[in-house]
Every structure is written in C-alpha cells, then in structure tokens.
Amino acid sequence: MPKLKEMAQTADVYGYFNNHYHGYAPENCVDVLEMLGMTTPEQKETRQRISGYWKGKVTTKSIPRTLSDFLEQEKEDIATLLSGYIEASRLENAKEIKDIEMIELGTDKIVADVRGYSVYIDLEKKFILDDCGDWRRTARERRFCKHIGALMLALPEDAARGVLEGIKKQQWEFSQYTGRGDVK
C-alpha cells in the first residue's frame, strides 16, 4: 500500500477489480480507496449501501473456497430446486445414497439403477417410473422418493435442471414401475 500511495501523489492510478462472482468489485474498490485515505463522502455512502445489500444474503459459508466447495454448492442449487418435489427427510436420505449406476443418459430418456431400484425417466413422453415402495405412496402426491432424489443429485446439473423445470412447466405422469411392459 505505501508504494500505491506514493504513486497516487504523482500520477492518476487506475485499478481493475475482477472479482465479480458475487458482485464484490465495487465494494473492494472503495475498500482500497479507504486504505489510501482517498474516499469521498459519496463513496463511503455507496460502500454502506453495498454492505447493507449483502448483509444476510451472502455469508462466508455460502462462498465457495475450493473447486469441490463450488461443485457442492452447485448440488445445493439442484437440491433447492429438488426440494419442491421431495420431503426434507427424504432429500437428506437421498444425499447419502452413493450407489447409483447410470444405465442410459440420453436426450430422450434417463435409465438408472439406484441402490437396486430401477428408475426410468422418459423426457419426450414426460413420465417417471420407479419400482420402490415409497414411490408408490409418494407418486400420487407428485412427490419423489429418495431414489429419484438421489438420481437427480447425481445427474449432470443441466440434465437434472431440465427434468425438474420440465415437471414444473408441464404435466408429467408419475407411475410405479413393475418392469412388465410399463415402458412403451
């Protein structure tokens, strides 16, 4: 900072802040001006408004620090979207399921084995079949079982988002999968 202060005495100093992920650049700019003792009252007020805006919206816990943190945060985004289709306890159970075998992930269908249960999602005909007992009870309410929740969390984000947003926009059929000619 001393070198920057020295330079500011003899020349115009410009800074570029490229930390736009959460929109921190304007706030950081005013921070540097404060460190240099160069803030105007308007800039101080702007910084307070910016800080007030972020207060309660972003916490240090919500800022990803590593790539794996960022990827986990992306899953949370899908989990948030998914929470409209699954009870909280089932969603927590879904997050624990790791044994998922993706049999087919195409533009027209998704077929998977989730902990020994079969899940079939037809993206063109807009229906979901699953063969677990919970699904039989939750499908009537248009809710997911933990197996479908786990599959949504395991899918690439664009695929999961496409299914979940598709269900939200259009009428999808939820059915019990018996493996006896259910899929046409």
N, C-alpha and C. Protein backbone atom coordinates (compact mmCIF):
# COMPACT_ATOMS: atom_id res chain seq x y z
N MET A 1 0.82 -1.19 0.00
CA MET A 1 0.00 0.00 0.00
C MET A 1 0.87 1.27 0.00
N PRO A 2 2.02 1.30 0.67
CA PRO A 2 2.85 2.51 0.63
C PRO A 2 3.26 2.89 -0.80
N LYS A 3 3.62 1.91 -1.61
CA LYS A 3 4.03 2.18 -3.00
C LYS A 3 2.87 2.77 -3.79
N LEU A 4 1.67 2.25 -3.56
CA LEU A 4 0.48 2.76 -4.25
C LEU A 4 0.19 4.19 -3.82
N LYS A 5 0.34 4.48 -2.53
CA LYS A 5 0.13 5.86 -2.04
C LYS A 5 1.13 6.80 -2.68
N GLU A 6 2.38 6.35 -2.79
CA GLU A 6 3.43 7.17 -3.41
C GLU A 6 3.10 7.46 -4.87
N MET A 7 2.68 6.45 -5.58
CA MET A 7 2.33 6.62 -6.99
C MET A 7 1.14 7.57 -7.15
N ALA A 8 0.18 7.48 -6.24
CA ALA A 8 -1.02 8.31 -6.33
C ALA A 8 -0.70 9.80 -6.15
N GLN A 9 0.45 10.12 -5.54
CA GLN A 9 0.84 11.52 -5.35
C GLN A 9 1.29 12.17 -6.66
N THR A 10 1.81 11.38 -7.58
CA THR A 10 2.39 11.95 -8.79
C THR A 10 1.66 11.58 -10.08
N ALA A 11 0.70 10.64 -10.00
CA ALA A 11 0.01 10.22 -11.22
C ALA A 11 -1.39 9.74 -10.88
N ASP A 12 -2.23 9.69 -11.93
CA ASP A 12 -3.54 9.08 -11.75
C ASP A 12 -3.35 7.57 -11.72
N VAL A 13 -3.92 6.94 -10.72
CA VAL A 13 -3.80 5.48 -10.57
C VAL A 13 -5.18 4.88 -10.82
N TYR A 14 -5.22 3.90 -11.70
CA TYR A 14 -6.46 3.22 -12.01
C TYR A 14 -6.35 1.77 -11.56
N GLY A 15 -7.43 1.25 -11.06
CA GLY A 15 -7.44 -0.14 -10.64
C GLY A 15 -8.56 -0.89 -11.33
N TYR A 16 -8.33 -2.17 -11.52
CA TYR A 16 -9.33 -3.03 -12.13
C TYR A 16 -9.62 -4.16 -11.15
N PHE A 17 -10.87 -4.33 -10.81
CA PHE A 17 -11.27 -5.36 -9.86
C PHE A 17 -12.08 -6.41 -10.61
N ASN A 18 -11.54 -7.60 -10.66
CA ASN A 18 -12.18 -8.67 -11.42
C ASN A 18 -12.68 -9.77 -10.48
N ASN A 19 -13.33 -9.39 -9.43
CA ASN A 19 -13.89 -10.38 -8.51
C ASN A 19 -15.40 -10.20 -8.49
N HIS A 20 -15.99 -10.44 -9.63
CA HIS A 20 -17.41 -10.17 -9.84
C HIS A 20 -18.33 -11.31 -9.45
N TYR A 21 -17.79 -12.44 -8.99
CA TYR A 21 -18.62 -13.62 -8.75
C TYR A 21 -19.85 -13.28 -7.91
N HIS A 22 -19.67 -12.57 -6.84
CA HIS A 22 -20.80 -12.14 -6.03
C HIS A 22 -20.99 -10.62 -6.09
N GLY A 23 -20.35 -9.98 -7.03
CA GLY A 23 -20.50 -8.53 -7.17
C GLY A 23 -19.72 -7.74 -6.15
N TYR A 24 -18.56 -8.23 -5.72
CA TYR A 24 -17.78 -7.56 -4.68
C TYR A 24 -16.88 -6.45 -5.21
N ALA A 25 -16.68 -6.36 -6.51
CA ALA A 25 -15.72 -5.41 -7.06
C ALA A 25 -15.97 -3.96 -6.60
N PRO A 26 -17.19 -3.43 -6.67
CA PRO A 26 -17.37 -2.04 -6.23
C PRO A 26 -17.02 -1.84 -4.75
N GLU A 27 -17.42 -2.79 -3.93
CA GLU A 27 -17.11 -2.70 -2.50
C GLU A 27 -15.60 -2.76 -2.27
N ASN A 28 -14.92 -3.65 -2.98
CA ASN A 28 -13.47 -3.77 -2.83
C ASN A 28 -12.75 -2.52 -3.31
N CYS A 29 -13.27 -1.90 -4.33
CA CYS A 29 -12.69 -0.67 -4.85
C CYS A 29 -12.73 0.43 -3.78
N VAL A 30 -13.87 0.57 -3.14
CA VAL A 30 -13.99 1.58 -2.08
C VAL A 30 -13.10 1.21 -0.91
N ASP A 31 -12.94 -0.08 -0.61
CA ASP A 31 -12.01 -0.51 0.45
C ASP A 31 -10.60 0.01 0.18
N VAL A 32 -10.14 -0.14 -1.07
CA VAL A 32 -8.79 0.31 -1.42
C VAL A 32 -8.70 1.83 -1.30
N LEU A 33 -9.73 2.54 -1.76
CA LEU A 33 -9.72 4.00 -1.62
C LEU A 33 -9.66 4.40 -0.15
N GLU A 34 -10.36 3.68 0.71
CA GLU A 34 -10.31 3.96 2.15
C GLU A 34 -8.90 3.73 2.69
N MET A 35 -8.26 2.63 2.27
CA MET A 35 -6.89 2.35 2.71
C MET A 35 -5.93 3.45 2.29
N LEU A 36 -6.21 4.04 1.14
CA LEU A 36 -5.37 5.13 0.65
C LEU A 36 -5.78 6.48 1.24
N GLY A 37 -6.86 6.50 2.00
CA GLY A 37 -7.35 7.76 2.58
C GLY A 37 -7.91 8.69 1.54
N MET A 38 -8.51 8.15 0.48
CA MET A 38 -8.97 8.96 -0.64
C MET A 38 -10.48 8.89 -0.87
N THR A 39 -11.25 8.32 0.03
CA THR A 39 -12.69 8.18 -0.23
C THR A 39 -13.41 9.50 -0.05
N THR A 40 -14.39 9.69 -0.90
CA THR A 40 -15.26 10.86 -0.78
C THR A 40 -16.47 10.45 0.07
N PRO A 41 -17.22 11.39 0.57
CA PRO A 41 -18.43 11.03 1.32
C PRO A 41 -19.41 10.19 0.49
N GLU A 42 -19.52 10.48 -0.80
CA GLU A 42 -20.41 9.71 -1.67
C GLU A 42 -19.95 8.25 -1.77
N GLN A 43 -18.65 8.06 -1.89
CA GLN A 43 -18.12 6.71 -1.98
C GLN A 43 -18.33 5.94 -0.68
N LYS A 44 -18.17 6.62 0.45
CA LYS A 44 -18.41 5.98 1.75
C LYS A 44 -19.88 5.56 1.87
N GLU A 45 -20.77 6.44 1.42
CA GLU A 45 -22.20 6.11 1.47
C GLU A 45 -22.52 4.93 0.54
N THR A 46 -21.91 4.94 -0.63
CA THR A 46 -22.11 3.84 -1.57
C THR A 46 -21.66 2.52 -0.96
N ARG A 47 -20.50 2.56 -0.29
CA ARG A 47 -20.00 1.33 0.35
C ARG A 47 -20.97 0.84 1.42
N GLN A 48 -21.55 1.74 2.19
CA GLN A 48 -22.52 1.34 3.21
C GLN A 48 -23.76 0.73 2.57
N ARG A 49 -24.22 1.30 1.46
CA ARG A 49 -25.38 0.74 0.76
C ARG A 49 -25.07 -0.66 0.22
N ILE A 50 -23.87 -0.81 -0.33
CA ILE A 50 -23.47 -2.12 -0.85
C ILE A 50 -23.41 -3.13 0.28
N SER A 51 -22.77 -2.76 1.38
CA SER A 51 -22.67 -3.67 2.53
C SER A 51 -24.05 -4.02 3.07
N GLY A 52 -24.94 -3.04 3.12
CA GLY A 52 -26.30 -3.28 3.58
C GLY A 52 -27.05 -4.25 2.67
N TYR A 53 -26.80 -4.13 1.37
CA TYR A 53 -27.45 -5.02 0.42
C TYR A 53 -27.04 -6.46 0.66
N TRP A 54 -25.73 -6.70 0.86
CA TRP A 54 -25.23 -8.06 1.02
C TRP A 54 -25.51 -8.63 2.39
N LYS A 55 -25.78 -7.78 3.36
CA LYS A 55 -25.98 -8.27 4.72
C LYS A 55 -27.13 -9.29 4.73
N GLY A 56 -26.86 -10.48 5.19
CA GLY A 56 -27.86 -11.53 5.27
C GLY A 56 -28.05 -12.32 3.99
N LYS A 57 -27.54 -11.81 2.87
CA LYS A 57 -27.71 -12.53 1.61
C LYS A 57 -26.56 -13.49 1.35
N VAL A 58 -25.37 -13.09 1.68
CA VAL A 58 -24.20 -13.92 1.43
C VAL A 58 -23.43 -14.04 2.73
N THR A 59 -23.12 -15.25 3.09
CA THR A 59 -22.29 -15.48 4.26
C THR A 59 -21.00 -16.13 3.80
N THR A 60 -20.00 -16.09 4.63
CA THR A 60 -18.74 -16.72 4.25
C THR A 60 -18.94 -18.21 4.04
N LYS A 61 -19.94 -18.79 4.70
CA LYS A 61 -20.23 -20.20 4.50
C LYS A 61 -20.73 -20.45 3.08
N SER A 62 -21.43 -19.48 2.48
CA SER A 62 -22.01 -19.69 1.16
C SER A 62 -21.03 -19.38 0.02
N ILE A 63 -19.85 -18.87 0.35
CA ILE A 63 -18.87 -18.55 -0.68
C ILE A 63 -17.95 -19.75 -0.87
N PRO A 64 -17.94 -20.31 -2.07
CA PRO A 64 -17.07 -21.48 -2.27
C PRO A 64 -15.60 -21.08 -2.19
N ARG A 65 -14.80 -21.87 -1.49
CA ARG A 65 -13.38 -21.58 -1.34
C ARG A 65 -12.52 -22.48 -2.22
N THR A 66 -13.02 -23.64 -2.57
CA THR A 66 -12.28 -24.58 -3.40
C THR A 66 -13.21 -25.07 -4.51
N LEU A 67 -12.62 -25.76 -5.48
CA LEU A 67 -13.44 -26.31 -6.56
C LEU A 67 -14.48 -27.29 -6.03
N SER A 68 -14.08 -28.14 -5.07
CA SER A 68 -15.06 -29.09 -4.52
C SER A 68 -16.16 -28.37 -3.76
N ASP A 69 -15.83 -27.25 -3.08
CA ASP A 69 -16.87 -26.45 -2.42
C ASP A 69 -17.84 -25.90 -3.46
N PHE A 70 -17.29 -25.41 -4.58
CA PHE A 70 -18.11 -24.86 -5.64
C PHE A 70 -19.03 -25.93 -6.21
N LEU A 71 -18.49 -27.13 -6.46
CA LEU A 71 -19.30 -28.22 -7.00
C LEU A 71 -20.37 -28.62 -6.02
N GLU A 72 -20.06 -28.64 -4.72
CA GLU A 72 -21.05 -28.98 -3.70
C GLU A 72 -22.15 -27.91 -3.68
N GLN A 73 -21.74 -26.63 -3.85
CA GLN A 73 -22.73 -25.56 -3.87
C GLN A 73 -23.65 -25.71 -5.07
N GLU A 74 -23.12 -26.14 -6.21
CA GLU A 74 -23.96 -26.40 -7.38
C GLU A 74 -24.99 -27.48 -7.07
N LYS A 75 -24.57 -28.53 -6.35
CA LYS A 75 -25.50 -29.58 -5.96
C LYS A 75 -26.58 -29.00 -5.05
N GLU A 76 -26.20 -28.09 -4.18
CA GLU A 76 -27.19 -27.49 -3.31
C GLU A 76 -28.23 -26.73 -4.13
N ASP A 77 -27.79 -26.12 -5.22
CA ASP A 77 -28.74 -25.41 -6.07
C ASP A 77 -29.77 -26.39 -6.64
N ILE A 78 -29.32 -27.54 -7.10
CA ILE A 78 -30.23 -28.58 -7.59
C ILE A 78 -31.07 -29.08 -6.42
N ALA A 79 -30.44 -29.24 -5.25
CA ALA A 79 -31.18 -29.71 -4.07
C ALA A 79 -32.29 -28.73 -3.72
N THR A 80 -32.04 -27.45 -3.87
CA THR A 80 -33.07 -26.44 -3.59
C THR A 80 -34.23 -26.60 -4.57
N LEU A 81 -33.91 -26.76 -5.84
CA LEU A 81 -34.95 -26.98 -6.85
C LEU A 81 -35.68 -28.29 -6.58
N LEU A 82 -34.94 -29.29 -6.19
CA LEU A 82 -35.49 -30.61 -5.90
C LEU A 82 -36.41 -30.59 -4.68
N SER A 83 -36.15 -29.70 -3.75
CA SER A 83 -36.93 -29.66 -2.51
C SER A 83 -38.42 -29.40 -2.75
N GLY A 84 -38.77 -28.90 -3.92
CA GLY A 84 -40.18 -28.73 -4.26
C GLY A 84 -40.88 -30.04 -4.59
N TYR A 85 -40.11 -31.12 -4.73
CA TYR A 85 -40.67 -32.40 -5.14
C TYR A 85 -40.41 -33.53 -4.14
N ILE A 86 -39.75 -33.23 -3.04
CA ILE A 86 -39.38 -34.28 -2.10
C ILE A 86 -39.37 -33.72 -0.68
N GLU A 87 -39.85 -34.52 0.27
CA GLU A 87 -39.84 -34.08 1.66
C GLU A 87 -38.40 -33.92 2.14
N ALA A 88 -38.19 -33.06 3.10
CA ALA A 88 -36.84 -32.75 3.60
C ALA A 88 -36.12 -34.00 4.10
N SER A 89 -36.82 -34.87 4.83
CA SER A 89 -36.17 -36.07 5.36
C SER A 89 -35.74 -37.01 4.23
N ARG A 90 -36.58 -37.14 3.21
CA ARG A 90 -36.21 -37.99 2.07
C ARG A 90 -35.05 -37.37 1.29
N LEU A 91 -35.04 -36.05 1.19
CA LEU A 91 -33.94 -35.38 0.50
C LEU A 91 -32.62 -35.63 1.24
N GLU A 92 -32.65 -35.55 2.55
CA GLU A 92 -31.43 -35.83 3.33
C GLU A 92 -30.99 -37.27 3.12
N ASN A 93 -31.92 -38.20 3.09
CA ASN A 93 -31.58 -39.60 2.81
C ASN A 93 -31.02 -39.75 1.39
N ALA A 94 -31.59 -39.01 0.44
CA ALA A 94 -31.13 -39.07 -0.95
C ALA A 94 -29.68 -38.63 -1.06
N LYS A 95 -29.30 -37.63 -0.29
CA LYS A 95 -27.92 -37.12 -0.33
C LYS A 95 -26.91 -38.17 0.12
N GLU A 96 -27.37 -39.14 0.90
CA GLU A 96 -26.47 -40.18 1.42
C GLU A 96 -26.30 -41.34 0.44
N ILE A 97 -27.17 -41.46 -0.54
CA ILE A 97 -27.11 -42.58 -1.48
C ILE A 97 -26.00 -42.34 -2.50
N LYS A 98 -25.06 -43.27 -2.55
CA LYS A 98 -23.93 -43.13 -3.47
C LYS A 98 -23.92 -44.21 -4.54
N ASP A 99 -24.61 -45.34 -4.31
CA ASP A 99 -24.56 -46.44 -5.27
C ASP A 99 -25.63 -46.27 -6.35
N ILE A 100 -25.24 -45.50 -7.38
CA ILE A 100 -26.11 -45.18 -8.50
C ILE A 100 -25.39 -45.60 -9.77
N GLU A 101 -26.06 -46.42 -10.56
CA GLU A 101 -25.50 -46.84 -11.84
C GLU A 101 -26.33 -46.22 -12.94
N MET A 102 -25.69 -45.35 -13.71
CA MET A 102 -26.36 -44.70 -14.83
C MET A 102 -26.33 -45.68 -16.00
N ILE A 103 -27.47 -46.21 -16.35
CA ILE A 103 -27.55 -47.17 -17.44
C ILE A 103 -27.65 -46.46 -18.78
N GLU A 104 -28.45 -45.41 -18.82
CA GLU A 104 -28.58 -44.61 -20.05
C GLU A 104 -28.90 -43.18 -19.68
N LEU A 105 -28.13 -42.27 -20.26
CA LEU A 105 -28.38 -40.84 -20.06
C LEU A 105 -28.39 -40.22 -21.45
N GLY A 106 -29.59 -40.09 -22.01
CA GLY A 106 -29.73 -39.60 -23.37
C GLY A 106 -30.59 -38.36 -23.42
N THR A 107 -30.84 -37.90 -24.63
CA THR A 107 -31.68 -36.72 -24.81
C THR A 107 -33.16 -37.06 -24.69
N ASP A 108 -33.48 -38.37 -24.81
CA ASP A 108 -34.89 -38.76 -24.74
C ASP A 108 -35.25 -39.52 -23.47
N LYS A 109 -34.25 -40.13 -22.80
CA LYS A 109 -34.57 -40.87 -21.58
C LYS A 109 -33.36 -40.99 -20.66
N ILE A 110 -33.68 -41.24 -19.41
CA ILE A 110 -32.67 -41.50 -18.38
C ILE A 110 -33.08 -42.80 -17.71
N VAL A 111 -32.17 -43.75 -17.68
CA VAL A 111 -32.43 -45.04 -17.04
C VAL A 111 -31.29 -45.27 -16.04
N ALA A 112 -31.65 -45.61 -14.81
CA ALA A 112 -30.62 -45.80 -13.79
C ALA A 112 -31.04 -46.87 -12.79
N ASP A 113 -30.04 -47.43 -12.16
CA ASP A 113 -30.23 -48.33 -11.03
C ASP A 113 -29.75 -47.56 -9.81
N VAL A 114 -30.66 -47.30 -8.89
CA VAL A 114 -30.32 -46.53 -7.69
C VAL A 114 -30.51 -47.45 -6.49
N ARG A 115 -29.38 -47.91 -5.96
CA ARG A 115 -29.39 -48.81 -4.80
C ARG A 115 -30.29 -50.02 -5.03
N GLY A 116 -30.24 -50.56 -6.24
CA GLY A 116 -31.01 -51.76 -6.56
C GLY A 116 -32.42 -51.49 -7.06
N TYR A 117 -32.83 -50.25 -7.11
CA TYR A 117 -34.16 -49.91 -7.63
C TYR A 117 -34.03 -49.30 -9.02
N SER A 118 -34.97 -49.62 -9.89
CA SER A 118 -34.94 -49.13 -11.26
C SER A 118 -35.70 -47.81 -11.37
N VAL A 119 -35.07 -46.87 -12.05
CA VAL A 119 -35.71 -45.57 -12.31
C VAL A 119 -35.65 -45.35 -13.82
N TYR A 120 -36.79 -45.01 -14.40
CA TYR A 120 -36.90 -44.76 -15.83
C TYR A 120 -37.57 -43.40 -16.00
N ILE A 121 -36.88 -42.47 -16.67
CA ILE A 121 -37.43 -41.14 -16.93
C ILE A 121 -37.50 -40.95 -18.44
N ASP A 122 -38.70 -40.80 -18.98
CA ASP A 122 -38.88 -40.57 -20.40
C ASP A 122 -39.06 -39.06 -20.60
N LEU A 123 -38.05 -38.43 -21.19
CA LEU A 123 -38.04 -36.98 -21.36
C LEU A 123 -38.97 -36.51 -22.47
N GLU A 124 -39.26 -37.37 -23.44
CA GLU A 124 -40.14 -36.99 -24.54
C GLU A 124 -41.61 -37.17 -24.16
N LYS A 125 -41.92 -38.33 -23.56
CA LYS A 125 -43.31 -38.62 -23.20
C LYS A 125 -43.68 -38.06 -21.83
N LYS A 126 -42.69 -37.57 -21.13
CA LYS A 126 -42.87 -36.87 -19.85
C LYS A 126 -43.49 -37.75 -18.76
N PHE A 127 -42.77 -38.82 -18.44
CA PHE A 127 -43.20 -39.63 -17.30
C PHE A 127 -41.98 -40.21 -16.58
N ILE A 128 -42.20 -40.53 -15.32
CA ILE A 128 -41.17 -41.12 -14.47
C ILE A 128 -41.73 -42.40 -13.87
N LEU A 129 -40.94 -43.47 -13.98
CA LEU A 129 -41.29 -44.75 -13.38
C LEU A 129 -40.20 -45.13 -12.38
N ASP A 130 -40.61 -45.72 -11.26
CA ASP A 130 -39.66 -46.19 -10.24
C ASP A 130 -40.30 -47.41 -9.59
N ASP A 131 -39.49 -48.34 -9.13
CA ASP A 131 -40.05 -49.57 -8.57
C ASP A 131 -39.88 -49.71 -7.05
N CYS A 132 -39.64 -48.63 -6.34
CA CYS A 132 -39.54 -48.76 -4.88
C CYS A 132 -40.91 -48.54 -4.23
N GLY A 133 -41.09 -49.09 -3.06
CA GLY A 133 -42.37 -48.99 -2.35
C GLY A 133 -42.75 -47.57 -1.98
N ASP A 134 -41.77 -46.75 -1.60
CA ASP A 134 -42.06 -45.35 -1.26
C ASP A 134 -42.65 -44.61 -2.45
N TRP A 135 -42.14 -44.93 -3.63
CA TRP A 135 -42.60 -44.24 -4.83
C TRP A 135 -44.09 -44.46 -5.04
N ARG A 136 -44.57 -45.66 -4.75
CA ARG A 136 -45.99 -45.96 -4.92
C ARG A 136 -46.83 -44.99 -4.06
N ARG A 137 -46.36 -44.71 -2.86
CA ARG A 137 -47.10 -43.81 -1.96
C ARG A 137 -46.91 -42.33 -2.34
N THR A 138 -45.71 -41.94 -2.74
CA THR A 138 -45.44 -40.52 -2.99
C THR A 138 -45.86 -40.06 -4.38
N ALA A 139 -45.94 -40.99 -5.34
CA ALA A 139 -46.27 -40.61 -6.73
C ALA A 139 -47.65 -39.99 -6.84
N ARG A 140 -48.60 -40.49 -6.04
CA ARG A 140 -49.96 -39.91 -6.07
C ARG A 140 -49.94 -38.43 -5.72
N GLU A 141 -49.04 -38.06 -4.81
CA GLU A 141 -48.93 -36.65 -4.39
C GLU A 141 -47.97 -35.86 -5.29
N ARG A 142 -47.46 -36.55 -6.34
CA ARG A 142 -46.48 -35.95 -7.24
C ARG A 142 -45.23 -35.53 -6.48
N ARG A 143 -44.77 -36.42 -5.61
CA ARG A 143 -43.55 -36.22 -4.82
C ARG A 143 -42.57 -37.34 -5.16
N PHE A 144 -41.28 -37.08 -4.97
CA PHE A 144 -40.24 -38.06 -5.27
C PHE A 144 -39.90 -38.90 -4.05
N CYS A 145 -39.46 -40.13 -4.30
CA CYS A 145 -38.87 -40.96 -3.26
C CYS A 145 -37.38 -40.60 -3.19
N LYS A 146 -36.69 -41.16 -2.20
CA LYS A 146 -35.27 -40.84 -2.02
C LYS A 146 -34.42 -41.32 -3.20
N HIS A 147 -34.84 -42.37 -3.89
CA HIS A 147 -34.07 -42.89 -5.01
C HIS A 147 -34.06 -41.92 -6.19
N ILE A 148 -35.22 -41.36 -6.48
CA ILE A 148 -35.28 -40.37 -7.56
C ILE A 148 -34.55 -39.10 -7.14
N GLY A 149 -34.67 -38.74 -5.87
CA GLY A 149 -33.91 -37.59 -5.35
C GLY A 149 -32.41 -37.80 -5.52
N ALA A 150 -31.93 -39.00 -5.18
CA ALA A 150 -30.51 -39.31 -5.32
C ALA A 150 -30.08 -39.25 -6.78
N LEU A 151 -30.92 -39.76 -7.67
CA LEU A 151 -30.60 -39.71 -9.10
C LEU A 151 -30.50 -38.26 -9.58
N MET A 152 -31.44 -37.42 -9.19
CA MET A 152 -31.40 -36.01 -9.60
C MET A 152 -30.11 -35.34 -9.13
N LEU A 153 -29.68 -35.67 -7.91
CA LEU A 153 -28.45 -35.09 -7.39
C LEU A 153 -27.21 -35.62 -8.11
N ALA A 154 -27.30 -36.84 -8.64
CA ALA A 154 -26.15 -37.45 -9.32
C ALA A 154 -26.05 -37.07 -10.79
N LEU A 155 -27.15 -36.62 -11.36
CA LEU A 155 -27.15 -36.25 -12.78
C LEU A 155 -26.31 -35.00 -13.01
N PRO A 156 -25.81 -34.83 -14.24
CA PRO A 156 -25.20 -33.54 -14.57
C PRO A 156 -26.23 -32.44 -14.33
N GLU A 157 -25.77 -31.29 -13.88
CA GLU A 157 -26.69 -30.22 -13.48
C GLU A 157 -27.70 -29.87 -14.57
N ASP A 158 -27.27 -29.76 -15.81
CA ASP A 158 -28.20 -29.38 -16.87
C ASP A 158 -29.29 -30.43 -17.08
N ALA A 159 -28.94 -31.70 -16.93
CA ALA A 159 -29.94 -32.77 -17.08
C ALA A 159 -30.95 -32.73 -15.93
N ALA A 160 -30.45 -32.60 -14.71
CA ALA A 160 -31.35 -32.55 -13.54
C ALA A 160 -32.25 -31.32 -13.62
N ARG A 161 -31.65 -30.19 -13.94
CA ARG A 161 -32.42 -28.95 -14.04
C ARG A 161 -33.49 -29.08 -15.13
N GLY A 162 -33.13 -29.70 -16.26
CA GLY A 162 -34.09 -29.89 -17.35
C GLY A 162 -35.29 -30.72 -16.92
N VAL A 163 -35.04 -31.81 -16.20
CA VAL A 163 -36.14 -32.66 -15.73
C VAL A 163 -37.00 -31.88 -14.73
N LEU A 164 -36.37 -31.28 -13.74
CA LEU A 164 -37.13 -30.61 -12.68
C LEU A 164 -37.91 -29.41 -13.20
N GLU A 165 -37.30 -28.64 -14.07
CA GLU A 165 -38.02 -27.48 -14.64
C GLU A 165 -39.09 -27.95 -15.62
N GLY A 166 -38.83 -29.05 -16.33
CA GLY A 166 -39.85 -29.62 -17.23
C GLY A 166 -41.09 -30.05 -16.47
N ILE A 167 -40.89 -30.71 -15.33
CA ILE A 167 -42.02 -31.15 -14.50
C ILE A 167 -42.80 -29.93 -14.00
N LYS A 168 -42.08 -28.90 -13.65
CA LYS A 168 -42.72 -27.68 -13.13
C LYS A 168 -43.59 -27.00 -14.19
N LYS A 169 -43.11 -27.01 -15.44
CA LYS A 169 -43.81 -26.33 -16.53
C LYS A 169 -44.92 -27.16 -17.16
N GLN A 170 -44.76 -28.49 -17.16
CA GLN A 170 -45.69 -29.35 -17.89
C GLN A 170 -46.23 -30.44 -16.98
N GLN A 171 -47.31 -31.02 -17.39
CA GLN A 171 -47.90 -32.13 -16.64
C GLN A 171 -47.14 -33.41 -16.94
N TRP A 172 -46.50 -33.97 -15.94
CA TRP A 172 -45.78 -35.23 -16.09
C TRP A 172 -46.55 -36.32 -15.36
N GLU A 173 -46.37 -37.55 -15.81
CA GLU A 173 -47.01 -38.70 -15.15
C GLU A 173 -45.98 -39.37 -14.25
N PHE A 174 -46.40 -39.67 -13.02
CA PHE A 174 -45.56 -40.39 -12.07
C PHE A 174 -46.22 -41.75 -11.86
N SER A 175 -45.49 -42.84 -12.12
CA SER A 175 -46.07 -44.16 -12.02
C SER A 175 -45.13 -45.15 -11.34
N GLN A 176 -45.73 -46.23 -10.86
CA GLN A 176 -44.97 -47.35 -10.30
C GLN A 176 -44.42 -48.16 -11.47
N TYR A 177 -43.15 -48.52 -11.42
CA TYR A 177 -42.52 -49.32 -12.47
C TYR A 177 -42.48 -50.77 -12.02
N THR A 178 -43.13 -51.62 -12.80
CA THR A 178 -43.14 -53.05 -12.43
C THR A 178 -42.18 -53.87 -13.27
N GLY A 179 -41.66 -53.26 -14.35
CA GLY A 179 -40.75 -53.99 -15.22
C GLY A 179 -41.47 -54.95 -16.16
N ARG A 180 -42.80 -54.87 -16.21
CA ARG A 180 -43.57 -55.79 -17.07
C ARG A 180 -44.30 -55.01 -18.14
N GLY A 181 -43.51 -54.46 -19.07
CA GLY A 181 -44.11 -53.76 -20.20
C GLY A 181 -44.60 -52.36 -19.87
N ASP A 182 -44.14 -51.78 -18.77
CA ASP A 182 -44.56 -50.41 -18.41
C ASP A 182 -44.07 -49.40 -19.42
N VAL A 183 -42.88 -49.66 -19.99
CA VAL A 183 -42.25 -48.71 -20.89
C VAL A 183 -42.64 -49.06 -22.31
N LYS A 184 -43.21 -48.09 -23.00
CA LYS A 184 -43.65 -48.32 -24.39
C LYS A 184 -42.87 -47.47 -25.33
